[in-house]
C-alpha cells in the first residue's frame, strides 16, 4: 500500500491557507484582569416568578437594574453568572459576577441603560465596583469578511 505524503499546498514553503482565525476570545469577557470572581447571593421572588438570564445586569434584589434616578441598591450591582427561574414566594441561591471585565454588547441591559456612556459607568459606586464594561472596536467579522 502506498503512502501519500504530498503536502496539499501550491508550492513548498508558501502557505496556502484559505482563512486564518485568531484570538479565541470569549464573546463576553476581556482578558483576565481583573479575574472573574463569583459570589453566591440570595434572591427572593415576590409577586411573580423571577427569571434571571445568563449575563443579566442585576440590582441587589435580583431584579433588573435601574439607571435613571435609582438609589444605589437598585442600580447595576451584579452580573448573573447563571440562568435561573425563582418561583414566586421562594428564595434561591444565585451565582453572580462581582469582578471582571465584560463586553458591553454581550450583557443584557435593562431599558434605562440606553446609551453606551450609561452602560460604561453602570457599576461605579455599586457593591461590585470592580466590574468593568467596555465596547470592542472590532470583531472577527469586521476583520475577516
C-alpha atoms as a PDB file:
ATOM      1  CA  UNK A   1       0.000   0.000   0.000  1.00  0.00           C
ATOM      2  CA  UNK A   2       1.437   3.367  -0.996  1.00  0.00           C
ATOM      3  CA  UNK A   3       1.503   6.279   1.415  1.00  0.00           C
ATOM      4  CA  UNK A   4       0.572   9.700   0.035  1.00  0.00           C
ATOM      5  CA  UNK A   5       2.843  12.219   1.713  1.00  0.00           C
ATOM      6  CA  UNK A   6       2.291  15.075  -0.730  1.00  0.00           C
ATOM      7  CA  UNK A   7       1.832  18.429   1.028  1.00  0.00           C
ATOM      8  CA  UNK A   8      -1.527  19.905  -0.081  1.00  0.00           C
ATOM      9  CA  UNK A   9      -0.149  23.403  -0.779  1.00  0.00           C
ATOM     10  CA  UNK A  10       0.580  25.048  -4.087  1.00  0.00           C
ATOM     11  CA  UNK A  11       4.347  25.461  -3.656  1.00  0.00           C
ATOM     12  CA  UNK A  12       6.742  24.217  -0.971  1.00  0.00           C
ATOM     13  CA  UNK A  13       7.483  26.944   1.552  1.00  0.00           C
ATOM     14  CA  UNK A  14       4.435  29.047   0.656  1.00  0.00           C
ATOM     15  CA  UNK A  15       1.370  28.701   2.847  1.00  0.00           C
ATOM     16  CA  UNK A  16      -1.907  28.080   1.079  1.00  0.00           C
ATOM     17  CA  UNK A  17      -4.360  28.902   3.838  1.00  0.00           C
ATOM     18  CA  UNK A  18      -7.812  29.986   2.770  1.00  0.00           C
ATOM     19  CA  UNK A  19      -8.774  31.544   6.105  1.00  0.00           C
ATOM     20  CA  UNK A  20      -6.986  32.458   9.288  1.00  0.00           C
ATOM     21  CA  UNK A  21      -8.537  32.686  12.711  1.00  0.00           C
ATOM     22  CA  UNK A  22      -7.051  34.105  15.874  1.00  0.00           C
ATOM     23  CA  UNK A  23      -7.863  35.287  19.346  1.00  0.00           C
ATOM     24  CA  UNK A  24     -10.384  32.753  20.590  1.00  0.00           C
ATOM     25  CA  UNK A  25     -11.668  35.469  22.927  1.00  0.00           C
ATOM     26  CA  UNK A  26     -14.888  34.641  24.645  1.00  0.00           C
ATOM     27  CA  UNK A  27     -17.604  36.870  23.299  1.00  0.00           C
ATOM     28  CA  UNK A  28     -18.435  38.278  26.714  1.00  0.00           C
ATOM     29  CA  UNK A  29     -15.129  38.692  28.517  1.00  0.00           C
ATOM     30  CA  UNK A  30     -11.965  40.778  28.063  1.00  0.00           C
ATOM     31  CA  UNK A  31      -8.761  39.145  29.240  1.00  0.00           C
ATOM     32  CA  UNK A  32      -8.130  38.001  32.776  1.00  0.00           C
ATOM     33  CA  UNK A  33      -7.636  41.295  34.632  1.00  0.00           C
ATOM     34  CA  UNK A  34      -9.436  41.691  36.875  1.00  0.00           C
ATOM     35  CA  UNK A  35     -10.045  37.973  37.295  1.00  0.00           C
ATOM     36  CA  UNK A  36     -13.621  36.767  37.103  1.00  0.00           C
ATOM     37  CA  UNK A  37     -14.926  36.306  40.624  1.00  0.00           C
ATOM     38  CA  UNK A  38     -18.328  34.997  41.581  1.00  0.00           C
ATOM     39  CA  UNK A  39     -20.301  35.237  44.766  1.00  0.00           C
ATOM     40  CA  UNK A  40     -23.456  33.436  45.813  1.00  0.00           C
ATOM     41  CA  UNK A  41     -26.303  35.761  46.784  1.00  0.00           C
ATOM     42  CA  UNK A  42     -29.857  35.079  47.918  1.00  0.00           C
ATOM     43  CA  UNK A  43     -32.721  36.411  45.794  1.00  0.00           C
ATOM     44  CA  UNK A  44     -36.408  36.133  46.713  1.00  0.00           C
ATOM     45  CA  UNK A  45     -39.237  36.250  44.188  1.00  0.00           C
ATOM     46  CA  UNK A  46     -42.255  38.132  45.497  1.00  0.00           C
ATOM     47  CA  UNK A  47     -45.364  38.902  43.485  1.00  0.00           C
ATOM     48  CA  UNK A  48     -44.299  36.872  40.437  1.00  0.00           C
ATOM     49  CA  UNK A  49     -41.667  34.408  39.280  1.00  0.00           C
ATOM     50  CA  UNK A  50     -38.219  35.982  38.931  1.00  0.00           C
ATOM     51  CA  UNK A  51     -36.460  34.977  35.712  1.00  0.00           C
ATOM     52  CA  UNK A  52     -32.740  35.692  35.571  1.00  0.00           C
ATOM     53  CA  UNK A  53     -30.764  35.053  32.396  1.00  0.00           C
ATOM     54  CA  UNK A  54     -27.033  34.479  31.952  1.00  0.00           C
ATOM     55  CA  UNK A  55     -25.240  37.872  31.871  1.00  0.00           C
ATOM     56  CA  UNK A  56     -28.298  39.859  33.006  1.00  0.00           C
ATOM     57  CA  UNK A  57     -27.369  43.115  34.747  1.00  0.00           C
ATOM     58  CA  UNK A  58     -28.971  42.915  38.201  1.00  0.00           C
ATOM     59  CA  UNK A  59     -29.846  45.083  41.186  1.00  0.00           C
ATOM     60  CA  UNK A  60     -29.154  43.814  44.720  1.00  0.00           C
ATOM     61  CA  UNK A  61     -32.618  42.189  44.918  1.00  0.00           C
ATOM     62  CA  UNK A  62     -32.120  40.192  41.698  1.00  0.00           C
ATOM     63  CA  UNK A  63     -34.429  42.379  39.652  1.00  0.00           C
ATOM     64  CA  UNK A  64     -33.463  44.378  36.609  1.00  0.00           C
ATOM     65  CA  UNK A  65     -31.159  47.272  37.441  1.00  0.00           C
ATOM     66  CA  UNK A  66     -32.454  50.818  37.077  1.00  0.00           C
ATOM     67  CA  UNK A  67     -30.365  53.738  35.903  1.00  0.00           C
ATOM     68  CA  UNK A  68     -32.360  56.950  35.986  1.00  0.00           C
ATOM     69  CA  UNK A  69     -32.805  58.365  39.479  1.00  0.00           C
ATOM     70  CA  UNK A  70     -32.287  54.995  41.119  1.00  0.00           C
ATOM     71  CA  UNK A  71     -30.806  54.559  44.562  1.00  0.00           C
ATOM     72  CA  UNK A  72     -27.575  52.555  44.827  1.00  0.00           C
ATOM     73  CA  UNK A  73     -29.209  49.155  45.641  1.00  0.00           C
ATOM     74  CA  UNK A  74     -31.466  49.468  42.577  1.00  0.00           C
ATOM     75  CA  UNK A  75     -28.639  50.274  40.181  1.00  0.00           C
ATOM     76  CA  UNK A  76     -26.353  47.783  38.470  1.00  0.00           C
ATOM     77  CA  UNK A  77     -24.618  45.747  41.178  1.00  0.00           C
ATOM     78  CA  UNK A  78     -24.151  42.241  39.770  1.00  0.00           C
ATOM     79  CA  UNK A  79     -23.997  40.297  36.522  1.00  0.00           C
ATOM     80  CA  UNK A  80     -25.759  36.940  36.534  1.00  0.00           C
ATOM     81  CA  UNK A  81     -23.345  34.016  36.198  1.00  0.00           C
ATOM     82  CA  UNK A  82     -26.146  31.512  35.606  1.00  0.00           C
ATOM     83  CA  UNK A  83     -29.716  31.400  34.316  1.00  0.00           C
ATOM     84  CA  UNK A  84     -32.399  30.566  36.866  1.00  0.00           C
ATOM     85  CA  UNK A  85     -36.121  30.944  37.433  1.00  0.00           C
ATOM     86  CA  UNK A  86     -37.121  31.555  41.046  1.00  0.00           C
ATOM     87  CA  UNK A  87     -40.760  30.728  41.669  1.00  0.00           C
ATOM     88  CA  UNK A  88     -42.980  33.232  43.426  1.00  0.00           C
ATOM     89  CA  UNK A  89     -42.581  33.203  47.193  1.00  0.00           C
ATOM     90  CA  UNK A  90     -39.317  31.265  47.250  1.00  0.00           C
ATOM     91  CA  UNK A  91     -35.683  32.181  47.826  1.00  0.00           C
ATOM     92  CA  UNK A  92     -32.783  30.784  45.814  1.00  0.00           C
ATOM     93  CA  UNK A  93     -29.009  31.000  45.833  1.00  0.00           C
ATOM     94  CA  UNK A  94     -27.697  32.562  42.627  1.00  0.00           C
ATOM     95  CA  UNK A  95     -24.117  32.857  41.399  1.00  0.00           C
ATOM     96  CA  UNK A  96     -23.282  36.383  40.269  1.00  0.00           C
ATOM     97  CA  UNK A  97     -20.126  38.025  38.977  1.00  0.00           C
ATOM     98  CA  UNK A  98     -18.662  40.638  41.319  1.00  0.00           C
ATOM     99  CA  UNK A  99     -15.405  41.296  39.454  1.00  0.00           C
ATOM    100  CA  UNK A 100     -14.378  41.050  35.821  1.00  0.00           C
ATOM    101  CA  UNK A 101     -14.094  42.914  32.532  1.00  0.00           C
ATOM    102  CA  UNK A 102     -17.086  42.356  30.258  1.00  0.00           C
ATOM    103  CA  UNK A 103     -18.088  43.092  26.658  1.00  0.00           C
ATOM    104  CA  UNK A 104     -20.831  45.718  26.765  1.00  0.00           C
ATOM    105  CA  UNK A 105     -22.895  44.213  23.953  1.00  0.00           C
ATOM    106  CA  UNK A 106     -22.877  40.716  25.468  1.00  0.00           C
ATOM    107  CA  UNK A 107     -24.690  41.811  28.628  1.00  0.00           C
ATOM    108  CA  UNK A 108     -28.475  42.021  28.879  1.00  0.00           C
ATOM    109  CA  UNK A 109     -29.191  45.606  29.871  1.00  0.00           C
ATOM    110  CA  UNK A 110     -32.456  46.984  31.249  1.00  0.00           C
ATOM    111  CA  UNK A 111     -34.105  49.652  29.084  1.00  0.00           C
ATOM    112  CA  UNK A 112     -32.983  52.542  31.305  1.00  0.00           C
ATOM    113  CA  UNK A 113     -29.350  51.913  30.262  1.00  0.00           C
ATOM    114  CA  UNK A 114     -29.953  53.337  26.803  1.00  0.00           C
ATOM    115  CA  UNK A 115     -26.531  54.803  25.947  1.00  0.00           C
ATOM    116  CA  UNK A 116     -23.001  53.431  25.883  1.00  0.00           C
ATOM    117  CA  UNK A 117     -21.940  56.067  28.429  1.00  0.00           C
ATOM    118  CA  UNK A 118     -24.561  54.876  30.949  1.00  0.00           C
ATOM    119  CA  UNK A 119     -23.507  51.262  30.421  1.00  0.00           C
ATOM    120  CA  UNK A 120     -19.796  52.048  30.812  1.00  0.00           C
ATOM    121  CA  UNK A 121     -20.465  53.843  34.116  1.00  0.00           C
ATOM    122  CA  UNK A 122     -23.078  51.373  35.369  1.00  0.00           C
ATOM    123  CA  UNK A 123     -21.077  49.759  38.169  1.00  0.00           C
ATOM    124  CA  UNK A 124     -19.391  52.870  39.563  1.00  0.00           C
ATOM    125  CA  UNK A 125     -20.365  53.191  43.222  1.00  0.00           C
ATOM    126  CA  UNK A 126     -22.027  49.772  43.304  1.00  0.00           C
ATOM    127  CA  UNK A 127     -21.375  46.820  45.607  1.00  0.00           C
ATOM    128  CA  UNK A 128     -19.244  45.462  42.729  1.00  0.00           C
ATOM    129  CA  UNK A 129     -17.086  48.430  41.677  1.00  0.00           C
ATOM    130  CA  UNK A 130     -14.505  46.134  40.073  1.00  0.00           C
ATOM    131  CA  UNK A 131     -16.848  45.135  37.280  1.00  0.00           C
ATOM    132  CA  UNK A 132     -15.661  46.922  34.154  1.00  0.00           C
ATOM    133  CA  UNK A 133     -17.625  47.211  30.925  1.00  0.00           C
ATOM    134  CA  UNK A 134     -16.069  48.009  27.536  1.00  0.00           C
ATOM    135  CA  UNK A 135     -17.206  48.032  23.962  1.00  0.00           C
ATOM    136  CA  UNK A 136     -14.892  46.468  21.404  1.00  0.00           C
ATOM    137  CA  UNK A 137     -13.849  48.477  18.374  1.00  0.00           C
ATOM    138  CA  UNK A 138     -13.595  45.444  16.094  1.00  0.00           C
ATOM    139  CA  UNK A 139     -14.785  41.887  15.887  1.00  0.00           C
ATOM    140  CA  UNK A 140     -13.616  38.997  13.735  1.00  0.00           C
ATOM    141  CA  UNK A 141     -16.366  39.603  11.173  1.00  0.00           C
ATOM    142  CA  UNK A 142     -15.102  43.167  10.632  1.00  0.00           C
ATOM    143  CA  UNK A 143     -11.524  41.966  10.182  1.00  0.00           C
ATOM    144  CA  UNK A 144     -12.232  38.833   8.122  1.00  0.00           C
ATOM    145  CA  UNK A 145     -15.261  39.327   5.860  1.00  0.00           C
END
